[in-house]
Structure formats: C-alpha cells, structure tokens
PDB file of all heavy atoms in Angstrom:
ATOM      1  N   ILE A   1     167.774  84.080  22.562  1.00  0.00           N
ATOM      2  CA  ILE A   1     166.853  85.066  22.168  1.00  0.00           C
ATOM      3  C   ILE A   1     167.141  86.374  22.985  1.00  0.00           C
ATOM      4  O   ILE A   1     167.292  86.363  24.277  1.00  0.00           O
ATOM      5  CB  ILE A   1     165.500  84.610  22.444  1.00  0.00           C
ATOM      6  CG1 ILE A   1     165.125  83.286  21.651  1.00  0.00           C
ATOM      7  CG2 ILE A   1     164.408  85.668  21.999  1.00  0.00           C
ATOM      8  CD1 ILE A   1     163.858  82.589  22.017  1.00  0.00           C
ATOM      9  N   VAL A   2     167.146  87.465  22.328  1.00  0.00           N
ATOM     10  CA  VAL A   2     167.368  88.832  22.939  1.00  0.00           C
ATOM     11  C   VAL A   2     166.205  89.750  22.628  1.00  0.00           C
ATOM     12  O   VAL A   2     165.833  89.788  21.452  1.00  0.00           O
ATOM     13  CB  VAL A   2     168.667  89.410  22.421  1.00  0.00           C
ATOM     14  CG1 VAL A   2     168.900  90.863  23.041  1.00  0.00           C
ATOM     15  CG2 VAL A   2     169.904  88.544  22.661  1.00  0.00           C
ATOM     16  N   ALA A   3     165.575  90.238  23.663  1.00  0.00           N
ATOM     17  CA  ALA A   3     164.614  91.344  23.540  1.00  0.00           C
ATOM     18  C   ALA A   3     165.198  92.740  23.680  1.00  0.00           C
ATOM     19  O   ALA A   3     165.948  92.944  24.728  1.00  0.00           O
ATOM     20  CB  ALA A   3     163.498  91.153  24.525  1.00  0.00           C
ATOM     21  N   MET A   4     164.939  93.566  22.750  1.00  0.00           N
ATOM     22  CA  MET A   4     165.611  94.885  22.847  1.00  0.00           C
ATOM     23  C   MET A   4     164.787  95.944  22.064  1.00  0.00           C
ATOM     24  O   MET A   4     163.848  95.637  21.472  1.00  0.00           O
ATOM     25  CB  MET A   4     167.061  94.762  22.202  1.00  0.00           C
ATOM     26  CG  MET A   4     166.945  94.180  20.775  1.00  0.00           C
ATOM     27  SD  MET A   4     168.620  94.210  20.014  1.00  0.00           S
ATOM     28  CE  MET A   4     168.999  95.923  19.751  1.00  0.00           C
ATOM     29  N   ASN A   5     165.330  97.201  22.021  1.00  0.00           N
ATOM     30  CA  ASN A   5     164.669  98.290  21.241  1.00  0.00           C
ATOM     31  C   ASN A   5     165.831  98.895  20.394  1.00  0.00           C
ATOM     32  O   ASN A   5     167.008  98.925  20.801  1.00  0.00           O
ATOM     33  CB  ASN A   5     163.832  99.229  22.055  1.00  0.00           C
ATOM     34  CG  ASN A   5     164.635 100.007  23.080  1.00  0.00           C
ATOM     35  OD1 ASN A   5     165.897 100.170  22.907  1.00  0.00           O
ATOM     36  ND2 ASN A   5     163.913 100.507  24.032  1.00  0.00           N
ATOM     37  N   THR A   6     165.450  99.783  19.540  1.00  0.00           N
ATOM     38  CA  THR A   6     166.396 100.499  18.800  1.00  0.00           C
ATOM     39  C   THR A   6     165.731 101.677  18.066  1.00  0.00           C
ATOM     40  O   THR A   6     164.535 101.676  17.732  1.00  0.00           O
ATOM     41  CB  THR A   6     167.084  99.694  17.575  1.00  0.00           C
ATOM     42  OG1 THR A   6     168.085 100.419  16.988  1.00  0.00           O
ATOM     43  CG2 THR A   6     166.103  99.227  16.564  1.00  0.00           C
ATOM     44  N   ILE A   7     166.574 102.782  17.838  1.00  0.00           N
ATOM     45  CA  ILE A   7     166.203 103.967  17.121  1.00  0.00           C
ATOM     46  C   ILE A   7     166.376 103.707  15.642  1.00  0.00           C
ATOM     47  O   ILE A   7     166.798 102.609  15.265  1.00  0.00           O
ATOM     48  CB  ILE A   7     167.052 105.193  17.567  1.00  0.00           C
ATOM     49  CG1 ILE A   7     168.514 104.818  17.103  1.00  0.00           C
ATOM     50  CG2 ILE A   7     166.887 105.516  18.922  1.00  0.00           C
ATOM     51  CD1 ILE A   7     169.422 106.131  17.250  1.00  0.00           C
ATOM     52  N   ASP A   8     165.883 104.605  14.764  1.00  0.00           N
ATOM     53  CA  ASP A   8     166.288 104.522  13.401  1.00  0.00           C
ATOM     54  C   ASP A   8     167.701 105.143  13.125  1.00  0.00           C
ATOM     55  O   ASP A   8     167.770 106.382  13.281  1.00  0.00           O
ATOM     56  CB  ASP A   8     165.203 105.237  12.535  1.00  0.00           C
ATOM     57  CG  ASP A   8     165.596 105.220  10.997  1.00  0.00           C
ATOM     58  OD1 ASP A   8     166.588 104.835  10.680  1.00  0.00           O
ATOM     59  OD2 ASP A   8     164.720 105.723  10.289  1.00  0.00           O
ATOM     60  N   HIS A   9     168.708 104.403  13.093  1.00  0.00           N
ATOM     61  CA  HIS A   9     170.003 104.842  13.119  1.00  0.00           C
ATOM     62  C   HIS A   9     170.376 105.707  11.938  1.00  0.00           C
ATOM     63  O   HIS A   9     171.332 106.505  11.927  1.00  0.00           O
ATOM     64  CB  HIS A   9     171.000 103.703  13.224  1.00  0.00           C
ATOM     65  CG  HIS A   9     171.027 103.029  14.468  1.00  0.00           C
ATOM     66  ND1 HIS A   9     171.713 103.418  15.715  1.00  0.00           N
ATOM     67  CD2 HIS A   9     170.243 101.886  14.923  1.00  0.00           C
ATOM     68  CE1 HIS A   9     171.379 102.655  16.800  1.00  0.00           C
ATOM     69  NE2 HIS A   9     170.668 101.725  16.389  1.00  0.00           N
ATOM     70  N   ALA A  10     169.626 105.596  10.875  1.00  0.00           N
ATOM     71  CA  ALA A  10     169.814 106.359   9.687  1.00  0.00           C
ATOM     72  C   ALA A  10     169.564 107.879   9.903  1.00  0.00           C
ATOM     73  O   ALA A  10     169.993 108.737   9.134  1.00  0.00           O
ATOM     74  CB  ALA A  10     168.901 105.863   8.487  1.00  0.00           C
ATOM     75  N   LEU A  11     168.859 108.229  10.981  1.00  0.00           N
ATOM     76  CA  LEU A  11     168.528 109.564  11.248  1.00  0.00           C
ATOM     77  C   LEU A  11     169.717 110.239  12.055  1.00  0.00           C
ATOM     78  O   LEU A  11     169.722 111.455  12.168  1.00  0.00           O
ATOM     79  CB  LEU A  11     167.210 109.672  12.086  1.00  0.00           C
ATOM     80  CG  LEU A  11     165.982 109.075  11.494  1.00  0.00           C
ATOM     81  CD1 LEU A  11     164.842 109.247  12.476  1.00  0.00           C
ATOM     82  CD2 LEU A  11     165.624 109.902  10.154  1.00  0.00           C
ATOM     83  N   VAL A  12     170.693 109.551  12.643  1.00  0.00           N
ATOM     84  CA  VAL A  12     171.667 110.065  13.309  1.00  0.00           C
ATOM     85  C   VAL A  12     172.858 110.506  12.540  1.00  0.00           C
ATOM     86  O   VAL A  12     173.450 109.589  11.743  1.00  0.00           O
ATOM     87  CB  VAL A  12     172.148 109.075  14.452  1.00  0.00           C
ATOM     88  CG1 VAL A  12     173.219 109.721  15.417  1.00  0.00           C
ATOM     89  CG2 VAL A  12     170.940 108.604  15.339  1.00  0.00           C
ATOM     90  N   THR A  13     173.295 111.727  12.767  1.00  0.00           N
ATOM     91  CA  THR A  13     174.436 112.135  12.017  1.00  0.00           C
ATOM     92  C   THR A  13     175.772 111.914  12.895  1.00  0.00           C
ATOM     93  O   THR A  13     176.816 111.732  12.212  1.00  0.00           O
ATOM     94  CB  THR A  13     174.428 113.597  11.670  1.00  0.00           C
ATOM     95  OG1 THR A  13     174.172 114.419  12.929  1.00  0.00           O
ATOM     96  CG2 THR A  13     173.151 113.787  10.763  1.00  0.00           C
ATOM     97  N   GLU A  14     175.637 111.923  14.194  1.00  0.00           N
ATOM     98  CA  GLU A  14     176.890 111.653  14.992  1.00  0.00           C
ATOM     99  C   GLU A  14     176.366 111.311  16.427  1.00  0.00           C
ATOM    100  O   GLU A  14     175.514 111.704  16.962  1.00  0.00           O
ATOM    101  CB  GLU A  14     177.642 112.988  15.184  1.00  0.00           C
ATOM    102  CG  GLU A  14     179.026 112.803  15.928  1.00  0.00           C
ATOM    103  CD  GLU A  14     179.632 114.067  16.284  1.00  0.00           C
ATOM    104  OE1 GLU A  14     179.148 115.087  15.739  1.00  0.00           O
ATOM    105  OE2 GLU A  14     180.727 114.021  16.911  1.00  0.00           O
ATOM    106  N   TYR A  15     177.233 110.222  16.860  1.00  0.00           N
ATOM    107  CA  TYR A  15     177.016 109.736  18.317  1.00  0.00           C
ATOM    108  C   TYR A  15     178.022 110.271  19.155  1.00  0.00           C
ATOM    109  O   TYR A  15     179.172 110.240  18.867  1.00  0.00           O
ATOM    110  CB  TYR A  15     176.911 108.132  18.317  1.00  0.00           C
ATOM    111  CG  TYR A  15     176.001 107.423  17.311  1.00  0.00           C
ATOM    112  CD1 TYR A  15     176.198 107.287  16.004  1.00  0.00           C
ATOM    113  CD2 TYR A  15     174.773 106.852  17.945  1.00  0.00           C
ATOM    114  CE1 TYR A  15     175.362 106.698  15.179  1.00  0.00           C
ATOM    115  CE2 TYR A  15     173.828 106.257  17.102  1.00  0.00           C
ATOM    116  CZ  TYR A  15     174.159 106.077  15.868  1.00  0.00           C
ATOM    117  OH  TYR A  15     173.277 105.535  15.018  1.00  0.00           O
ATOM    118  N   THR A  16     177.595 110.801  20.277  1.00  0.00           N
ATOM    119  CA  THR A  16     178.604 111.231  21.281  1.00  0.00           C
ATOM    120  C   THR A  16     178.287 110.573  22.563  1.00  0.00           C
ATOM    121  O   THR A  16     177.488 109.767  22.660  1.00  0.00           O
ATOM    122  CB  THR A  16     178.491 112.778  21.388  1.00  0.00           C
ATOM    123  OG1 THR A  16     177.345 113.213  22.169  1.00  0.00           O
ATOM    124  CG2 THR A  16     178.483 113.546  20.047  1.00  0.00           C
ATOM    125  N   SER A  17     178.993 111.049  23.682  1.00  0.00           N
ATOM    126  CA  SER A  17     178.766 110.509  24.905  1.00  0.00           C
ATOM    127  C   SER A  17     177.438 110.996  25.561  1.00  0.00           C
ATOM    128  O   SER A  17     177.052 110.409  26.592  1.00  0.00           O
ATOM    129  CB  SER A  17     179.907 110.829  25.951  1.00  0.00           C
ATOM    130  OG  SER A  17     181.082 110.190  25.387  1.00  0.00           O
ATOM    131  N   PHE A  18     176.896 112.008  25.060  1.00  0.00           N
ATOM    132  CA  PHE A  18     175.707 112.595  25.670  1.00  0.00           C
ATOM    133  C   PHE A  18     174.393 112.754  24.646  1.00  0.00           C
ATOM    134  O   PHE A  18     173.411 113.066  25.157  1.00  0.00           O
ATOM    135  CB  PHE A  18     175.964 113.954  26.214  1.00  0.00           C
ATOM    136  CG  PHE A  18     177.163 113.935  27.267  1.00  0.00           C
ATOM    137  CD1 PHE A  18     178.402 114.250  26.899  1.00  0.00           C
ATOM    138  CD2 PHE A  18     176.883 113.458  28.519  1.00  0.00           C
ATOM    139  CE1 PHE A  18     179.530 114.187  27.868  1.00  0.00           C
ATOM    140  CE2 PHE A  18     177.880 113.397  29.531  1.00  0.00           C
ATOM    141  CZ  PHE A  18     179.127 113.771  29.129  1.00  0.00           C
ATOM    142  N   GLU A  19     174.678 112.643  23.378  1.00  0.00           N
ATOM    143  CA  GLU A  19     173.548 112.893  22.551  1.00  0.00           C
ATOM    144  C   GLU A  19     173.756 112.091  21.197  1.00  0.00           C
ATOM    145  O   GLU A  19     174.796 111.621  20.864  1.00  0.00           O
ATOM    146  CB  GLU A  19     173.343 114.457  22.297  1.00  0.00           C
ATOM    147  CG  GLU A  19     174.590 114.970  21.446  1.00  0.00           C
ATOM    148  CD  GLU A  19     174.392 116.480  21.147  1.00  0.00           C
ATOM    149  OE1 GLU A  19     173.239 116.901  20.857  1.00  0.00           O
ATOM    150  OE2 GLU A  19     175.428 117.239  21.168  1.00  0.00           O
ATOM    151  N   MET A  20     172.589 111.943  20.479  1.00  0.00           N
ATOM    152  CA  MET A  20     172.549 111.451  19.166  1.00  0.00           C
ATOM    153  C   MET A  20     172.153 112.585  18.231  1.00  0.00           C
ATOM    154  O   MET A  20     170.916 112.856  18.061  1.00  0.00           O
ATOM    155  CB  MET A  20     171.659 110.300  19.078  1.00  0.00           C
ATOM    156  CG  MET A  20     172.098 109.101  19.887  1.00  0.00           C
ATOM    157  SD  MET A  20     170.999 107.665  19.984  1.00  0.00           S
ATOM    158  CE  MET A  20     169.720 108.358  21.055  1.00  0.00           C
ATOM    159  N   LYS A  21     173.145 113.207  17.474  1.00  0.00           N
ATOM    160  CA  LYS A  21     172.883 114.408  16.767  1.00  0.00           C
ATOM    161  C   LYS A  21     172.028 114.008  15.541  1.00  0.00           C
ATOM    162  O   LYS A  21     172.251 113.038  14.923  1.00  0.00           O
ATOM    163  CB  LYS A  21     174.117 115.122  16.361  1.00  0.00           C
ATOM    164  CG  LYS A  21     174.997 115.556  17.515  1.00  0.00           C
ATOM    165  CD  LYS A  21     176.210 116.334  17.082  1.00  0.00           C
ATOM    166  CE  LYS A  21     176.967 116.912  18.229  1.00  0.00           C
ATOM    167  NZ  LYS A  21     178.188 117.596  17.795  1.00  0.00           N
ATOM    168  N   GLY A  22     171.069 114.832  15.331  1.00  0.00           N
ATOM    169  CA  GLY A  22     170.225 114.667  14.039  1.00  0.00           C
ATOM    170  C   GLY A  22     168.871 113.902  14.489  1.00  0.00           C
ATOM    171  O   GLY A  22     167.916 113.857  13.769  1.00  0.00           O
ATOM    172  N   LEU A  23     168.921 113.355  15.626  1.00  0.00           N
ATOM    173  CA  LEU A  23     167.706 112.511  16.193  1.00  0.00           C
ATOM    174  C   LEU A  23     166.772 113.560  16.959  1.00  0.00           C
ATOM    175  O   LEU A  23     167.212 113.956  18.070  1.00  0.00           O
ATOM    176  CB  LEU A  23     168.051 111.396  16.945  1.00  0.00           C
ATOM    177  CG  LEU A  23     166.963 110.333  17.297  1.00  0.00           C
ATOM    178  CD1 LEU A  23     166.453 109.606  16.087  1.00  0.00           C
ATOM    179  CD2 LEU A  23     167.402 109.384  18.415  1.00  0.00           C
ATOM    180  N   GLU A  24     165.623 113.894  16.382  1.00  0.00           N
ATOM    181  CA  GLU A  24     164.801 114.897  17.032  1.00  0.00           C
ATOM    182  C   GLU A  24     164.051 114.419  18.273  1.00  0.00           C
ATOM    183  O   GLU A  24     163.853 114.979  19.217  1.00  0.00           O
ATOM    184  CB  GLU A  24     163.714 115.410  16.046  1.00  0.00           C
ATOM    185  CG  GLU A  24     164.342 116.215  14.976  1.00  0.00           C
ATOM    186  CD  GLU A  24     163.267 116.861  14.095  1.00  0.00           C
ATOM    187  OE1 GLU A  24     162.191 116.648  14.248  1.00  0.00           O
ATOM    188  OE2 GLU A  24     163.711 117.478  13.002  1.00  0.00           O
ATOM    189  N   ARG A  25     163.627 112.875  18.140  1.00  0.00           N
ATOM    190  CA  ARG A  25     162.931 112.316  19.232  1.00  0.00           C
ATOM    191  C   ARG A  25     163.518 110.993  19.370  1.00  0.00           C
ATOM    192  O   ARG A  25     163.565 110.259  18.374  1.00  0.00           O
ATOM    193  CB  ARG A  25     161.458 112.323  18.947  1.00  0.00           C
ATOM    194  CG  ARG A  25     160.538 111.633  19.912  1.00  0.00           C
ATOM    195  CD  ARG A  25     160.473 112.594  21.143  1.00  0.00           C
ATOM    196  NE  ARG A  25     159.339 112.086  22.048  1.00  0.00           N
ATOM    197  CZ  ARG A  25     159.098 112.645  23.232  1.00  0.00           C
ATOM    198  NH1 ARG A  25     159.658 113.653  23.562  1.00  0.00           N
ATOM    199  NH2 ARG A  25     158.235 112.031  24.071  1.00  0.00           N
ATOM    200  N   ASP A  26     163.698 110.582  20.614  1.00  0.00           N
ATOM    201  CA  ASP A  26     164.203 109.182  20.856  1.00  0.00           C
ATOM    202  C   ASP A  26     163.070 108.203  21.077  1.00  0.00           C
ATOM    203  O   ASP A  26     162.477 107.832  21.822  1.00  0.00           O
ATOM    204  CB  ASP A  26     165.027 109.213  22.133  1.00  0.00           C
ATOM    205  CG  ASP A  26     165.821 107.842  22.422  1.00  0.00           C
ATOM    206  OD1 ASP A  26     165.592 106.883  21.591  1.00  0.00           O
ATOM    207  OD2 ASP A  26     166.671 107.653  23.327  1.00  0.00           O
ATOM    208  N   GLN A  27     162.545 107.733  19.752  1.00  0.00           N
ATOM    209  CA  GLN A  27     161.580 106.797  19.618  1.00  0.00           C
ATOM    210  C   GLN A  27     162.196 105.548  19.141  1.00  0.00           C
ATOM    211  O   GLN A  27     163.090 105.500  18.300  1.00  0.00           O
ATOM    212  CB  GLN A  27     160.532 107.223  18.599  1.00  0.00           C
ATOM    213  CG  GLN A  27     159.559 108.272  19.119  1.00  0.00           C
ATOM    214  CD  GLN A  27     158.490 108.686  18.195  1.00  0.00           C
ATOM    215  OE1 GLN A  27     158.867 109.319  17.154  1.00  0.00           O
ATOM    216  NE2 GLN A  27     157.228 108.244  18.517  1.00  0.00           N
ATOM    217  N   ARG A  28     161.752 104.421  19.578  1.00  0.00           N
ATOM    218  CA  ARG A  28     162.379 103.131  19.439  1.00  0.00           C
ATOM    219  C   ARG A  28     161.536 101.900  19.142  1.00  0.00           C
ATOM    220  O   ARG A  28     160.376 101.827  19.709  1.00  0.00           O
ATOM    221  CB  ARG A  28     163.286 102.694  20.457  1.00  0.00           C
ATOM    222  CG  ARG A  28     164.274 103.724  20.965  1.00  0.00           C
ATOM    223  CD  ARG A  28     165.323 103.242  21.977  1.00  0.00           C
ATOM    224  NE  ARG A  28     166.150 104.311  22.329  1.00  0.00           N
ATOM    225  CZ  ARG A  28     167.296 103.998  23.161  1.00  0.00           C
ATOM    226  NH1 ARG A  28     167.620 102.905  23.559  1.00  0.00           N
ATOM    227  NH2 ARG A  28     168.088 105.186  23.460  1.00  0.00           N
ATOM    228  N   ASP A  29     161.749 101.201  18.034  1.00  0.00           N
ATOM    229  CA  ASP A  29     161.123 100.030  17.771  1.00  0.00           C
ATOM    230  C   ASP A  29     161.504  98.772  18.652  1.00  0.00           C
ATOM    231  O   ASP A  29     162.511  98.920  19.207  1.00  0.00           O
ATOM    232  CB  ASP A  29     161.196  99.609  16.295  1.00  0.00           C
ATOM    233  CG  ASP A  29     160.543 100.453  15.303  1.00  0.00           C
ATOM    234  OD1 ASP A  29     159.827 101.302  15.627  1.00  0.00           O
ATOM    235  OD2 ASP A  29     161.024 100.603  14.036  1.00  0.00           O
ATOM    236  N   ILE A  30     160.461  97.939  18.840  1.00  0.00           N
ATOM    237  CA  ILE A  30     160.665  96.727  19.575  1.00  0.00           C
ATOM    238  C   ILE A  30     161.335  95.661  18.723  1.00  0.00           C
ATOM    239  O   ILE A  30     160.651  95.224  17.631  1.00  0.00           O
ATOM    240  CB  ILE A  30     159.552  96.236  20.406  1.00  0.00           C
ATOM    241  CG1 ILE A  30     158.935  97.374  21.318  1.00  0.00           C
ATOM    242  CG2 ILE A  30     159.788  94.917  21.273  1.00  0.00           C
ATOM    243  CD1 ILE A  30     159.697  97.881  22.301  1.00  0.00           C
TER     244      ILE A  30
END
C-alpha cells in the first residue's frame, strides 16, 4: 500500500526541472 498525493496532470502543458507550466495552483488530491 502506498499513500501519496497528486495534481490534476491534465492541467499541465509542460513539466520542467523547476515548474509545471499551465498549473496555476499546486493543489493535490490524496
């Protein structure tokens, strides 16, 4: 069993080493 969180990845247009472009707020579901 793993407990984790995640953003809504559908909102991200590009992942870089420093940001998630397109994501206005880093909110995550459990």
